[in-house]
Amino acid sequence: MDLTQQRLPEIRLTPIPRLAQGGKWRVEAMRSYSRDQLLWFTRGQGRITVAGVTRGYGAHNAVFIPANTMHGFEMSGSVFGTAMSIPRESMLPLPTAPVHLRIRDAASQTELSALLDGLQRELEGNRPERLRATHHHAGLIAVWLKRQILLHEADAPSPDAAVRLLQRYTEMVEAEFRSHKTVADYAAALGVTPTHLTRVCKKACGRPASALLTDRVIFEARRLLEETDTPIKDVAASLGFTSAAYFTRAFQHHTGRTPSSFRSTSAGGPKA
């Protein structure tokens, strides 16, 4: 690939605390992105839910989240680190499934932090060959991640039936949450009962299947209200609600605010 002839999509680095700008719902609610994400936590601790499975995270944890994977994480004021957002078009050799690594080796910790610092300098600078350098820094980070996965293979348990079911459920929710399907609809498509699906969700992340589904819908509603000027009735229709009034009641029940109130007070969001 000739990097001098091809415009590669921009890789982004964001301090993890900045992800919560606009409200804690930005990081804690179930959502997904069209880009791959690598989260490198360097300080603090909390819990992160990826594809329906909740685990604790702490300093020197690396979490890779593939594009279009439902996730959310708790974040206190003491949490710090870097989020790397990678467009799929970058063609880097990245995993296709979520990865959570606890990096205990100091040399490996220092290596990733240095690679991210080098990438940050290239992204912020304007030196010749910046595009090529950015791409190669990202490639070295992808190699670092692959090496760590191989080194930790013996510690990584194979996904059991419950985890596989959760992955399939969250994948289906991500693809179809706008259809207003119920948990019973998803359970039937997965070949299990709603009770079994809820039991598995509660064991894996402490929340029922309905909460994950509702969280994803409400996150999208908040995002559309904050980031677009789409009329509220059209937001409701796009998320499968049969009427704007039904959408307003559901939104207020889960957020404590009406859609119009949320839109008018969201920082940087369109005004009603």
C-alpha atoms as a PDB file:
ATOM      1  CA  MET A   1       0.000   0.000   0.000  1.00  0.00           C
ATOM      2  CA  ASP A   2       1.414   3.362  -1.032  1.00  0.00           C
ATOM      3  CA  LEU A   3       0.631   5.709   1.834  1.00  0.00           C
ATOM      4  CA  THR A   4       1.704   8.697  -0.234  1.00  0.00           C
ATOM      5  CA  GLN A   5      -1.107   7.995  -2.715  1.00  0.00           C
ATOM      6  CA  GLN A   6      -3.894   6.958  -0.317  1.00  0.00           C
ATOM      7  CA  ARG A   7      -5.692   9.059   2.272  1.00  0.00           C
ATOM      8  CA  LEU A   8      -6.119   6.879   5.354  1.00  0.00           C
ATOM      9  CA  PRO A   9      -8.954   7.571   7.834  1.00  0.00           C
ATOM     10  CA  GLU A  10      -7.752   9.448  10.899  1.00  0.00           C
ATOM     11  CA  ILE A  11      -6.946   7.516  14.043  1.00  0.00           C
ATOM     12  CA  ARG A  12      -8.000   9.367  17.198  1.00  0.00           C
ATOM     13  CA  LEU A  13      -6.619   9.446  20.730  1.00  0.00           C
ATOM     14  CA  THR A  14      -8.778  10.777  23.554  1.00  0.00           C
ATOM     15  CA  PRO A  15      -8.019  11.033  27.287  1.00  0.00           C
ATOM     16  CA  ILE A  16     -10.479   8.635  28.931  1.00  0.00           C
ATOM     17  CA  PRO A  17     -11.919  11.293  31.317  1.00  0.00           C
ATOM     18  CA  ARG A  18     -12.944  13.329  28.279  1.00  0.00           C
ATOM     19  CA  LEU A  19     -15.214  10.492  27.124  1.00  0.00           C
ATOM     20  CA  ALA A  20     -17.636  11.443  29.892  1.00  0.00           C
ATOM     21  CA  GLN A  21     -18.122  14.992  28.638  1.00  0.00           C
ATOM     22  CA  GLY A  22     -21.840  15.631  28.257  1.00  0.00           C
ATOM     23  CA  GLY A  23     -22.759  13.376  31.174  1.00  0.00           C
ATOM     24  CA  LYS A  24     -21.854  10.046  32.754  1.00  0.00           C
ATOM     25  CA  TRP A  25     -24.394   8.353  30.460  1.00  0.00           C
ATOM     26  CA  ARG A  26     -21.859   8.852  27.704  1.00  0.00           C
ATOM     27  CA  VAL A  27     -19.639   6.122  29.130  1.00  0.00           C
ATOM     28  CA  GLU A  28     -21.896   4.085  31.404  1.00  0.00           C
ATOM     29  CA  ALA A  29     -24.864   3.447  29.096  1.00  0.00           C
ATOM     30  CA  MET A  30     -24.785   0.570  26.625  1.00  0.00           C
ATOM     31  CA  ARG A  31     -23.677   1.867  23.261  1.00  0.00           C
ATOM     32  CA  SER A  32     -21.369   1.019  20.370  1.00  0.00           C
ATOM     33  CA  TYR A  33     -19.194   2.785  17.840  1.00  0.00           C
ATOM     34  CA  SER A  34     -18.491   2.172  14.173  1.00  0.00           C
ATOM     35  CA  ARG A  35     -14.757   2.162  14.978  1.00  0.00           C
ATOM     36  CA  ASP A  36     -12.603  -0.289  16.907  1.00  0.00           C
ATOM     37  CA  GLN A  37     -11.631   0.981  20.369  1.00  0.00           C
ATOM     38  CA  LEU A  38      -8.560   0.292  22.487  1.00  0.00           C
ATOM     39  CA  LEU A  39      -8.858   1.511  26.077  1.00  0.00           C
ATOM     40  CA  TRP A  40      -5.614   1.747  28.056  1.00  0.00           C
ATOM     41  CA  PHE A  41      -6.298   2.439  31.730  1.00  0.00           C
ATOM     42  CA  THR A  42      -3.306   3.820  33.636  1.00  0.00           C
ATOM     43  CA  ARG A  43      -4.961   4.855  36.902  1.00  0.00           C
ATOM     44  CA  GLY A  44      -8.134   4.137  38.858  1.00  0.00           C
ATOM     45  CA  GLN A  45     -10.547   1.255  38.784  1.00  0.00           C
ATOM     46  CA  GLY A  46     -14.141   0.371  38.000  1.00  0.00           C
ATOM     47  CA  ARG A  47     -16.252  -2.098  36.083  1.00  0.00           C
ATOM     48  CA  ILE A  48     -16.645  -2.463  32.332  1.00  0.00           C
ATOM     49  CA  THR A  49     -19.347  -4.376  30.466  1.00  0.00           C
ATOM     50  CA  VAL A  50     -18.518  -5.608  26.959  1.00  0.00           C
ATOM     51  CA  ALA A  51     -20.925  -7.788  24.955  1.00  0.00           C
ATOM     52  CA  GLY A  52     -22.978  -8.389  28.078  1.00  0.00           C
ATOM     53  CA  VAL A  53     -20.126  -9.544  30.336  1.00  0.00           C
ATOM     54  CA  THR A  54     -18.984  -7.348  33.241  1.00  0.00           C
ATOM     55  CA  ARG A  55     -15.435  -7.412  34.614  1.00  0.00           C
ATOM     56  CA  GLY A  56     -13.456  -5.193  36.913  1.00  0.00           C
ATOM     57  CA  TYR A  57     -10.699  -3.039  35.446  1.00  0.00           C
ATOM     58  CA  GLY A  58      -7.784  -1.276  37.055  1.00  0.00           C
ATOM     59  CA  ALA A  59      -4.491   0.381  36.247  1.00  0.00           C
ATOM     60  CA  HIS A  60      -2.592  -1.186  33.350  1.00  0.00           C
ATOM     61  CA  ASN A  61      -5.613  -2.912  31.867  1.00  0.00           C
ATOM     62  CA  ALA A  62      -5.953  -2.913  28.080  1.00  0.00           C
ATOM     63  CA  VAL A  63      -9.457  -3.478  26.733  1.00  0.00           C
ATOM     64  CA  PHE A  64     -10.054  -3.910  23.003  1.00  0.00           C
ATOM     65  CA  ILE A  65     -13.638  -3.437  21.799  1.00  0.00           C
ATOM     66  CA  PRO A  66     -14.404  -4.255  18.150  1.00  0.00           C
ATOM     67  CA  ALA A  67     -16.595  -1.942  16.123  1.00  0.00           C
ATOM     68  CA  ASN A  68     -20.358  -2.305  16.680  1.00  0.00           C
ATOM     69  CA  THR A  69     -19.910  -4.104  20.021  1.00  0.00           C
ATOM     70  CA  MET A  70     -22.218  -3.022  22.857  1.00  0.00           C
ATOM     71  CA  HIS A  71     -20.311  -1.795  25.886  1.00  0.00           C
ATOM     72  CA  GLY A  72     -20.296   0.642  28.779  1.00  0.00           C
ATOM     73  CA  PHE A  73     -18.109   1.264  31.820  1.00  0.00           C
ATOM     74  CA  GLU A  74     -18.193   2.906  35.210  1.00  0.00           C
ATOM     75  CA  MET A  75     -15.756   5.780  35.570  1.00  0.00           C
ATOM     76  CA  SER A  76     -14.943   7.753  38.707  1.00  0.00           C
ATOM     77  CA  GLY A  77     -12.916  10.933  38.819  1.00  0.00           C
ATOM     78  CA  SER A  78      -9.785   8.939  39.645  1.00  0.00           C
ATOM     79  CA  VAL A  79      -9.792   6.976  36.378  1.00  0.00           C
ATOM     80  CA  PHE A  80      -7.266   8.010  33.770  1.00  0.00           C
ATOM     81  CA  GLY A  81      -5.884   6.581  30.554  1.00  0.00           C
ATOM     82  CA  THR A  82      -6.170   6.817  26.783  1.00  0.00           C
ATOM     83  CA  ALA A  83      -8.852   5.717  24.323  1.00  0.00           C
ATOM     84  CA  MET A  84      -7.646   4.907  20.816  1.00  0.00           C
ATOM     85  CA  SER A  85     -10.323   5.007  18.118  1.00  0.00           C
ATOM     86  CA  ILE A  86      -9.386   3.076  14.988  1.00  0.00           C
ATOM     87  CA  PRO A  87     -11.397   3.156  11.728  1.00  0.00           C
ATOM     88  CA  ARG A  88     -12.023  -0.247  10.160  1.00  0.00           C
ATOM     89  CA  GLU A  89     -10.676   1.102   6.875  1.00  0.00           C
ATOM     90  CA  SER A  90      -7.210   1.292   8.440  1.00  0.00           C
ATOM     91  CA  MET A  91      -6.837  -2.438   7.669  1.00  0.00           C
ATOM     92  CA  LEU A  92      -4.702  -2.994  10.771  1.00  0.00           C
ATOM     93  CA  PRO A  93      -4.434  -6.622  11.999  1.00  0.00           C
ATOM     94  CA  LEU A  94      -6.767  -6.204  14.965  1.00  0.00           C
ATOM     95  CA  PRO A  95      -8.843  -8.806  16.842  1.00  0.00           C
ATOM     96  CA  THR A  96     -12.424  -9.515  15.805  1.00  0.00           C
ATOM     97  CA  ALA A  97     -13.600 -10.326  19.346  1.00  0.00           C
ATOM     98  CA  PRO A  98     -13.379  -8.325  22.594  1.00  0.00           C
ATOM     99  CA  VAL A  99     -10.149  -8.648  24.590  1.00  0.00           C
ATOM    100  CA  HIS A 100      -9.459  -7.684  28.222  1.00  0.00           C
ATOM    101  CA  LEU A 101      -5.814  -7.899  29.286  1.00  0.00           C
ATOM    102  CA  ARG A 102      -4.275  -7.206  32.678  1.00  0.00           C
ATOM    103  CA  ILE A 103      -0.699  -6.142  31.894  1.00  0.00           C
ATOM    104  CA  ARG A 104       1.503  -6.943  34.893  1.00  0.00           C
ATOM    105  CA  ASP A 105       4.881  -6.700  33.150  1.00  0.00           C
ATOM    106  CA  ALA A 106       6.343  -3.215  33.671  1.00  0.00           C
ATOM    107  CA  ALA A 107       8.249  -3.285  30.382  1.00  0.00           C
ATOM    108  CA  SER A 108       5.053  -4.021  28.422  1.00  0.00           C
ATOM    109  CA  GLN A 109       3.227  -1.248  30.275  1.00  0.00           C
ATOM    110  CA  THR A 110       5.951   1.242  29.420  1.00  0.00           C
ATOM    111  CA  GLU A 111       6.071   0.062  25.812  1.00  0.00           C
ATOM    112  CA  LEU A 112       2.374   0.702  25.136  1.00  0.00           C
ATOM    113  CA  SER A 113       2.419   4.080  26.867  1.00  0.00           C
ATOM    114  CA  ALA A 114       5.435   5.099  24.777  1.00  0.00           C
ATOM    115  CA  LEU A 115       3.768   3.944  21.544  1.00  0.00           C
ATOM    116  CA  LEU A 116       0.641   5.948  22.358  1.00  0.00           C
ATOM    117  CA  ASP A 117       2.752   9.006  23.214  1.00  0.00           C
ATOM    118  CA  GLY A 118       4.556   8.719  19.868  1.00  0.00           C
ATOM    119  CA  LEU A 119       1.266   8.414  18.016  1.00  0.00           C
ATOM    120  CA  GLN A 120      -0.078  11.459  19.874  1.00  0.00           C
ATOM    121  CA  ARG A 121       2.924  13.542  18.800  1.00  0.00           C
ATOM    122  CA  GLU A 122       2.371  12.623  15.161  1.00  0.00           C
ATOM    123  CA  LEU A 123      -1.362  13.354  15.348  1.00  0.00           C
ATOM    124  CA  GLU A 124      -0.724  16.772  16.875  1.00  0.00           C
ATOM    125  CA  GLY A 125       2.202  17.670  14.615  1.00  0.00           C
ATOM    126  CA  ASN A 126       2.514  18.654  10.999  1.00  0.00           C
ATOM    127  CA  ARG A 127       5.856  17.162  10.022  1.00  0.00           C
ATOM    128  CA  PRO A 128       6.555  15.664   6.603  1.00  0.00           C
ATOM    129  CA  GLU A 129       5.483  12.011   6.249  1.00  0.00           C
ATOM    130  CA  ARG A 130       2.985  12.481   9.086  1.00  0.00           C
ATOM    131  CA  LEU A 131       0.441  10.134   7.493  1.00  0.00           C
ATOM    132  CA  ARG A 132       2.975   7.360   7.035  1.00  0.00           C
ATOM    133  CA  ALA A 133       4.299   7.786  10.572  1.00  0.00           C
ATOM    134  CA  THR A 134       0.799   7.753  12.073  1.00  0.00           C
ATOM    135  CA  HIS A 135      -0.062   4.551  10.250  1.00  0.00           C
ATOM    136  CA  HIS A 136       3.125   2.805  11.368  1.00  0.00           C
ATOM    137  CA  HIS A 137       2.743   3.893  15.001  1.00  0.00           C
ATOM    138  CA  ALA A 138      -0.771   2.416  14.945  1.00  0.00           C
ATOM    139  CA  GLY A 139       0.613  -0.727  13.345  1.00  0.00           C
ATOM    140  CA  LEU A 140       3.120  -1.151  16.160  1.00  0.00           C
ATOM    141  CA  ILE A 141       0.301  -0.795  18.684  1.00  0.00           C
ATOM    142  CA  ALA A 142      -1.628  -3.515  16.835  1.00  0.00           C
ATOM    143  CA  VAL A 143       1.480  -5.736  17.027  1.00  0.00           C
ATOM    144  CA  TRP A 144       1.819  -4.998  20.760  1.00  0.00           C
ATOM    145  CA  LEU A 145      -1.811  -6.038  21.281  1.00  0.00           C
ATOM    146  CA  LYS A 146      -1.385  -9.251  19.297  1.00  0.00           C
ATOM    147  CA  ARG A 147       1.755 -10.163  21.244  1.00  0.00           C
ATOM    148  CA  GLN A 148       0.007  -9.621  24.557  1.00  0.00           C
ATOM    149  CA  ILE A 149      -2.929 -11.768  23.456  1.00  0.00           C
ATOM    150  CA  LEU A 150      -0.527 -14.582  22.561  1.00  0.00           C
ATOM    151  CA  LEU A 151       1.350 -14.188  25.838  1.00  0.00           C
ATOM    152  CA  HIS A 152      -1.894 -14.323  27.827  1.00  0.00           C
ATOM    153  CA  GLU A 153      -3.510 -17.178  25.917  1.00  0.00           C
ATOM    154  CA  ALA A 154      -2.956 -19.664  28.728  1.00  0.00           C
ATOM    155  CA  ASP A 155      -4.752 -17.350  31.180  1.00  0.00           C
ATOM    156  CA  ALA A 156      -7.752 -16.718  28.924  1.00  0.00           C
ATOM    157  CA  PRO A 157     -10.608 -19.191  29.483  1.00  0.00           C
ATOM    158  CA  SER A 158     -12.563 -20.344  26.450  1.00  0.00           C
ATOM    159  CA  PRO A 159     -16.000 -18.702  26.226  1.00  0.00           C
ATOM    160  CA  ASP A 160     -18.609 -20.959  27.787  1.00  0.00           C
ATOM    161  CA  ALA A 161     -22.175 -21.403  26.561  1.00  0.00           C
ATOM    162  CA  ALA A 162     -23.432 -18.486  28.661  1.00  0.00           C
ATOM    163  CA  VAL A 163     -20.848 -16.064  27.288  1.00  0.00           C
ATOM    164  CA  ARG A 164     -21.549 -17.198  23.728  1.00  0.00           C
ATOM    165  CA  LEU A 165     -25.276 -16.646  24.299  1.00  0.00           C
ATOM    166  CA  LEU A 166     -24.638 -13.141  25.644  1.00  0.00           C
ATOM    167  CA  GLN A 167     -22.413 -12.280  22.697  1.00  0.00           C
ATOM    168  CA  ARG A 168     -25.128 -13.393  20.287  1.00  0.00           C
ATOM    169  CA  TYR A 169     -27.804 -11.497  22.231  1.00  0.00           C
ATOM    170  CA  THR A 170     -25.860  -8.232  22.315  1.00  0.00           C
ATOM    171  CA  GLU A 171     -24.971  -8.590  18.630  1.00  0.00           C
ATOM    172  CA  MET A 172     -28.659  -8.993  17.804  1.00  0.00           C
ATOM    173  CA  VAL A 173     -29.644  -6.060  20.000  1.00  0.00           C
ATOM    174  CA  GLU A 174     -27.015  -3.869  18.349  1.00  0.00           C
ATOM    175  CA  ALA A 175     -28.318  -4.795  14.902  1.00  0.00           C
ATOM    176  CA  GLU A 176     -32.039  -4.557  15.692  1.00  0.00           C
ATOM    177  CA  PHE A 177     -32.632  -2.281  18.706  1.00  0.00           C
ATOM    178  CA  ARG A 178     -34.470   0.201  16.480  1.00  0.00           C
ATOM    179  CA  SER A 179     -37.141  -2.401  15.668  1.00  0.00           C
ATOM    180  CA  HIS A 180     -38.777  -2.211  19.129  1.00  0.00           C
ATOM    181  CA  LYS A 181     -38.462  -5.980  19.548  1.00  0.00           C
ATOM    182  CA  THR A 182     -38.945  -7.339  23.043  1.00  0.00           C
ATOM    183  CA  VAL A 183     -36.677  -9.610  25.081  1.00  0.00           C
ATOM    184  CA  ALA A 184     -39.107 -12.423  24.281  1.00  0.00           C
ATOM    185  CA  ASP A 185     -38.546 -11.803  20.556  1.00  0.00           C
ATOM    186  CA  TYR A 186     -34.775 -11.983  20.955  1.00  0.00           C
ATOM    187  CA  ALA A 187     -34.984 -15.051  23.193  1.00  0.00           C
ATOM    188  CA  ALA A 188     -37.123 -16.860  20.627  1.00  0.00           C
ATOM    189  CA  ALA A 189     -34.626 -16.049  17.870  1.00  0.00           C
ATOM    190  CA  LEU A 190     -31.827 -17.387  20.085  1.00  0.00           C
ATOM    191  CA  GLY A 191     -33.734 -20.577  20.885  1.00  0.00           C
ATOM    192  CA  VAL A 192     -33.979 -19.962  24.654  1.00  0.00           C
ATOM    193  CA  THR A 193     -36.675 -18.776  27.029  1.00  0.00           C
ATOM    194  CA  PRO A 194     -36.811 -15.145  28.198  1.00  0.00           C
ATOM    195  CA  THR A 195     -36.297 -16.421  31.749  1.00  0.00           C
ATOM    196  CA  HIS A 196     -33.094 -18.232  30.809  1.00  0.00           C
ATOM    197  CA  LEU A 197     -31.759 -15.232  28.880  1.00  0.00           C
ATOM    198  CA  THR A 198     -32.445 -12.936  31.824  1.00  0.00           C
ATOM    199  CA  ARG A 199     -30.832 -15.361  34.260  1.00  0.00           C
ATOM    200  CA  VAL A 200     -27.669 -15.510  32.134  1.00  0.00           C
ATOM    201  CA  CYS A 201     -27.530 -11.706  31.842  1.00  0.00           C
ATOM    202  CA  LYS A 202     -27.952 -11.205  35.577  1.00  0.00           C
ATOM    203  CA  LYS A 203     -25.161 -13.655  36.334  1.00  0.00           C
ATOM    204  CA  ALA A 204     -22.762 -12.101  33.825  1.00  0.00           C
ATOM    205  CA  CYS A 205     -23.374  -8.407  34.392  1.00  0.00           C
ATOM    206  CA  GLY A 206     -25.841  -8.050  37.262  1.00  0.00           C
ATOM    207  CA  ARG A 207     -28.601  -6.714  35.020  1.00  0.00           C
ATOM    208  CA  PRO A 208     -31.552  -8.388  33.292  1.00  0.00           C
ATOM    209  CA  ALA A 209     -31.726  -8.735  29.524  1.00  0.00           C
ATOM    210  CA  SER A 210     -34.428  -6.058  29.394  1.00  0.00           C
ATOM    211  CA  ALA A 211     -32.115  -3.506  31.043  1.00  0.00           C
ATOM    212  CA  LEU A 212     -29.388  -4.012  28.425  1.00  0.00           C
ATOM    213  CA  LEU A 213     -31.935  -3.607  25.635  1.00  0.00           C
ATOM    214  CA  THR A 214     -33.557  -0.508  27.143  1.00  0.00           C
ATOM    215  CA  ASP A 215     -30.172   1.035  27.930  1.00  0.00           C
ATOM    216  CA  ARG A 216     -29.119   0.725  24.290  1.00  0.00           C
ATOM    217  CA  VAL A 217     -32.350   2.309  23.020  1.00  0.00           C
ATOM    218  CA  ILE A 218     -32.254   5.181  25.493  1.00  0.00           C
ATOM    219  CA  PHE A 219     -28.591   5.881  24.781  1.00  0.00           C
ATOM    220  CA  GLU A 220     -29.384   6.248  21.095  1.00  0.00           C
ATOM    221  CA  ALA A 221     -32.323   8.490  21.916  1.00  0.00           C
ATOM    222  CA  ARG A 222     -30.123  10.758  24.037  1.00  0.00           C
ATOM    223  CA  ARG A 223     -27.451  10.810  21.358  1.00  0.00           C
ATOM    224  CA  LEU A 224     -29.931  11.846  18.665  1.00  0.00           C
ATOM    225  CA  LEU A 225     -31.485  14.489  20.905  1.00  0.00           C
ATOM    226  CA  GLU A 226     -28.105  15.961  21.836  1.00  0.00           C
ATOM    227  CA  GLU A 227     -26.273  15.735  18.516  1.00  0.00           C
ATOM    228  CA  THR A 228     -28.980  16.317  15.898  1.00  0.00           C
ATOM    229  CA  ASP A 229     -31.952  18.585  15.315  1.00  0.00           C
ATOM    230  CA  THR A 230     -34.182  15.664  14.270  1.00  0.00           C
ATOM    231  CA  PRO A 231     -37.747  16.349  15.461  1.00  0.00           C
ATOM    232  CA  ILE A 232     -38.664  14.383  18.577  1.00  0.00           C
ATOM    233  CA  LYS A 233     -41.468  12.555  16.770  1.00  0.00           C
ATOM    234  CA  ASP A 234     -38.958  11.392  14.150  1.00  0.00           C
ATOM    235  CA  VAL A 235     -36.487  10.276  16.840  1.00  0.00           C
ATOM    236  CA  ALA A 236     -39.305   8.233  18.346  1.00  0.00           C
ATOM    237  CA  ALA A 237     -40.212   6.668  15.002  1.00  0.00           C
ATOM    238  CA  SER A 238     -36.582   5.844  14.189  1.00  0.00           C
ATOM    239  CA  LEU A 239     -36.350   3.844  17.424  1.00  0.00           C
ATOM    240  CA  GLY A 240     -39.512   1.853  16.825  1.00  0.00           C
ATOM    241  CA  PHE A 241     -41.873   3.750  19.131  1.00  0.00           C
ATOM    242  CA  THR A 242     -45.463   3.830  17.914  1.00  0.00           C
ATOM    243  CA  SER A 243     -46.025   7.428  19.014  1.00  0.00           C
ATOM    244  CA  ALA A 244     -44.130  10.449  20.288  1.00  0.00           C
ATOM    245  CA  ALA A 245     -46.194  10.345  23.486  1.00  0.00           C
ATOM    246  CA  TYR A 246     -45.169   6.738  24.177  1.00  0.00           C
ATOM    247  CA  PHE A 247     -41.533   7.659  23.527  1.00  0.00           C
ATOM    248  CA  THR A 248     -41.759  10.663  25.876  1.00  0.00           C
ATOM    249  CA  ARG A 249     -43.170   8.526  28.699  1.00  0.00           C
ATOM    250  CA  ALA A 250     -40.484   5.861  28.241  1.00  0.00           C
ATOM    251  CA  PHE A 251     -37.656   8.409  28.013  1.00  0.00           C
ATOM    252  CA  GLN A 252     -38.836  10.286  31.108  1.00  0.00           C
ATOM    253  CA  HIS A 253     -39.259   7.038  33.059  1.00  0.00           C
ATOM    254  CA  HIS A 254     -35.638   6.038  32.419  1.00  0.00           C
ATOM    255  CA  THR A 255     -33.920   9.435  32.575  1.00  0.00           C
ATOM    256  CA  GLY A 256     -36.174  11.551  34.786  1.00  0.00           C
ATOM    257  CA  ARG A 257     -36.478  14.162  32.030  1.00  0.00           C
ATOM    258  CA  THR A 258     -38.626  14.683  28.970  1.00  0.00           C
ATOM    259  CA  PRO A 259     -36.940  14.536  25.553  1.00  0.00           C
ATOM    260  CA  SER A 260     -37.460  18.264  25.031  1.00  0.00           C
ATOM    261  CA  SER A 261     -35.968  19.085  28.440  1.00  0.00           C
ATOM    262  CA  PHE A 262     -32.954  16.864  27.794  1.00  0.00           C
ATOM    263  CA  ARG A 263     -32.363  18.458  24.392  1.00  0.00           C
ATOM    264  CA  SER A 264     -32.668  22.035  25.640  1.00  0.00           C
ATOM    265  CA  THR A 265     -30.190  21.576  28.505  1.00  0.00           C
ATOM    266  CA  SER A 266     -27.618  19.272  26.882  1.00  0.00           C
ATOM    267  CA  ALA A 267     -24.257  21.007  26.564  1.00  0.00           C
ATOM    268  CA  GLY A 268     -23.619  21.744  22.933  1.00  0.00           C
ATOM    269  CA  GLY A 269     -26.841  20.099  21.851  1.00  0.00           C
ATOM    270  CA  PRO A 270     -29.488  21.603  19.582  1.00  0.00           C
ATOM    271  CA  LYS A 271     -32.063  23.738  21.325  1.00  0.00           C
ATOM    272  CA  ALA A 272     -35.726  22.828  21.237  1.00  0.00           C
END
